[in-house]
Amino acid sequence: MPAIVKCPTCEKQVTWSAQSPYRPFCSKRCQLIDLGEWSSENNKISSAMNGDSEGVDKAEFIEEIEAMLAQNDDSFFKD
């Protein structure tokens, strides 16, 4: 039996299955609302500010992330 979850945007119940292409969201609209919240920085993942990242080359790290994003499927933005 598939799990039932609440849409993070509108809290409507969503069946977690292949028949729910926007899961955990109930619709493309709710998915895009959430994306807008993240892009306007209303949502963020916080982390403690400490010196653990001092040894990391930030330019190299950004290049790695950009390379991973370039390889990803663009179907998220297509309908």
C-alpha atoms as a PDB file:
ATOM      1  CA  MET A   1       0.000   0.000   0.000  1.00  0.00           C
ATOM      2  CA  PRO A   2       1.541   3.361  -1.018  1.00  0.00           C
ATOM      3  CA  ALA A   3       2.217   5.955   1.646  1.00  0.00           C
ATOM      4  CA  ILE A   4       0.051   9.046   1.952  1.00  0.00           C
ATOM      5  CA  VAL A   5       1.942  12.313   2.557  1.00  0.00           C
ATOM      6  CA  LYS A   6       0.900  15.944   2.868  1.00  0.00           C
ATOM      7  CA  CYS A   7       1.854  18.365   0.112  1.00  0.00           C
ATOM      8  CA  PRO A   8       4.483  20.674   1.665  1.00  0.00           C
ATOM      9  CA  THR A   9       2.807  23.704   0.060  1.00  0.00           C
ATOM     10  CA  CYS A  10      -0.960  23.268   0.511  1.00  0.00           C
ATOM     11  CA  GLU A  11      -1.053  20.215   2.833  1.00  0.00           C
ATOM     12  CA  LYS A  12      -3.407  18.284   0.518  1.00  0.00           C
ATOM     13  CA  GLN A  13      -2.975  14.503   0.807  1.00  0.00           C
ATOM     14  CA  VAL A  14      -0.774  12.956  -1.899  1.00  0.00           C
ATOM     15  CA  THR A  15      -0.305   9.265  -2.628  1.00  0.00           C
ATOM     16  CA  TRP A  16       3.427   8.487  -2.856  1.00  0.00           C
ATOM     17  CA  SER A  17       3.490   6.445  -6.057  1.00  0.00           C
ATOM     18  CA  ALA A  18       4.490   6.600  -9.717  1.00  0.00           C
ATOM     19  CA  GLN A  19       1.004   7.965 -10.486  1.00  0.00           C
ATOM     20  CA  SER A  20       1.925  11.135  -8.544  1.00  0.00           C
ATOM     21  CA  PRO A  21       4.575  12.719 -10.791  1.00  0.00           C
ATOM     22  CA  TYR A  22       5.013  15.822  -8.615  1.00  0.00           C
ATOM     23  CA  ARG A  23       5.383  13.994  -5.294  1.00  0.00           C
ATOM     24  CA  PRO A  24       5.721  15.105  -2.559  1.00  0.00           C
ATOM     25  CA  PHE A  25       3.710  17.962  -4.104  1.00  0.00           C
ATOM     26  CA  CYS A  26       0.119  17.546  -5.261  1.00  0.00           C
ATOM     27  CA  SER A  27       0.609  19.541  -8.472  1.00  0.00           C
ATOM     28  CA  LYS A  28       3.076  21.409 -10.675  1.00  0.00           C
ATOM     29  CA  ARG A  29       1.682  24.642  -9.214  1.00  0.00           C
ATOM     30  CA  CYS A  30       2.631  23.666  -5.643  1.00  0.00           C
ATOM     31  CA  GLN A  31       6.028  22.443  -6.859  1.00  0.00           C
ATOM     32  CA  LEU A  32       6.737  25.817  -8.507  1.00  0.00           C
ATOM     33  CA  ILE A  33       5.517  27.769  -5.469  1.00  0.00           C
ATOM     34  CA  ASP A  34       8.023  25.828  -3.353  1.00  0.00           C
ATOM     35  CA  LEU A  35      10.795  26.431  -5.902  1.00  0.00           C
ATOM     36  CA  GLY A  36      10.012  30.150  -5.758  1.00  0.00           C
ATOM     37  CA  GLU A  37      10.283  30.124  -1.964  1.00  0.00           C
ATOM     38  CA  TRP A  38      13.743  28.570  -2.204  1.00  0.00           C
ATOM     39  CA  SER A  39      14.907  30.879  -4.999  1.00  0.00           C
ATOM     40  CA  SER A  40      13.828  33.992  -3.098  1.00  0.00           C
ATOM     41  CA  GLU A  41      15.668  32.576  -0.056  1.00  0.00           C
ATOM     42  CA  ASN A  42      12.539  32.418   2.097  1.00  0.00           C
ATOM     43  CA  ASN A  43      13.577  28.805   2.748  1.00  0.00           C
ATOM     44  CA  LYS A  44      17.127  27.831   3.553  1.00  0.00           C
ATOM     45  CA  ILE A  45      19.112  25.027   5.098  1.00  0.00           C
ATOM     46  CA  SER A  46      21.034  26.469   7.970  1.00  0.00           C
ATOM     47  CA  SER A  47      24.374  25.223   9.160  1.00  0.00           C
ATOM     48  CA  ALA A  48      26.570  26.173  12.029  1.00  0.00           C
ATOM     49  CA  MET A  49      29.173  28.787  11.217  1.00  0.00           C
ATOM     50  CA  ASN A  50      32.503  27.232  12.088  1.00  0.00           C
ATOM     51  CA  GLY A  51      35.983  26.898  10.673  1.00  0.00           C
ATOM     52  CA  ASP A  52      35.476  23.397   9.233  1.00  0.00           C
ATOM     53  CA  SER A  53      35.292  24.658   5.645  1.00  0.00           C
ATOM     54  CA  GLU A  54      38.488  26.709   5.716  1.00  0.00           C
ATOM     55  CA  GLY A  55      40.491  24.039   3.858  1.00  0.00           C
ATOM     56  CA  VAL A  56      37.953  23.772   1.022  1.00  0.00           C
ATOM     57  CA  ASP A  57      38.743  25.467  -2.285  1.00  0.00           C
ATOM     58  CA  LYS A  58      35.452  27.272  -2.863  1.00  0.00           C
ATOM     59  CA  ALA A  59      36.037  27.899  -6.577  1.00  0.00           C
ATOM     60  CA  GLU A  60      36.705  24.196  -7.149  1.00  0.00           C
ATOM     61  CA  PHE A  61      33.630  23.281  -5.111  1.00  0.00           C
ATOM     62  CA  ILE A  62      31.431  25.631  -7.187  1.00  0.00           C
ATOM     63  CA  GLU A  63      32.832  24.151 -10.422  1.00  0.00           C
ATOM     64  CA  GLU A  64      31.988  20.634  -9.190  1.00  0.00           C
ATOM     65  CA  ILE A  65      28.406  21.670  -8.421  1.00  0.00           C
ATOM     66  CA  GLU A  66      28.012  23.380 -11.800  1.00  0.00           C
ATOM     67  CA  ALA A  67      29.319  20.250 -13.561  1.00  0.00           C
ATOM     68  CA  MET A  68      26.814  18.069 -11.678  1.00  0.00           C
ATOM     69  CA  LEU A  69      23.955  20.435 -12.544  1.00  0.00           C
ATOM     70  CA  ALA A  70      24.966  20.428 -16.223  1.00  0.00           C
ATOM     71  CA  GLN A  71      24.672  16.614 -16.266  1.00  0.00           C
ATOM     72  CA  ASN A  72      21.198  16.541 -14.679  1.00  0.00           C
ATOM     73  CA  ASP A  73      18.027  15.982 -16.660  1.00  0.00           C
ATOM     74  CA  ASP A  74      16.164  19.206 -17.462  1.00  0.00           C
ATOM     75  CA  SER A  75      12.740  17.526 -17.340  1.00  0.00           C
ATOM     76  CA  PHE A  76      11.961  19.272 -14.041  1.00  0.00           C
ATOM     77  CA  PHE A  77      11.444  22.537 -15.920  1.00  0.00           C
ATOM     78  CA  LYS A  78       9.554  21.027 -18.854  1.00  0.00           C
ATOM     79  CA  ASP A  79       5.923  20.074 -18.795  1.00  0.00           C
END
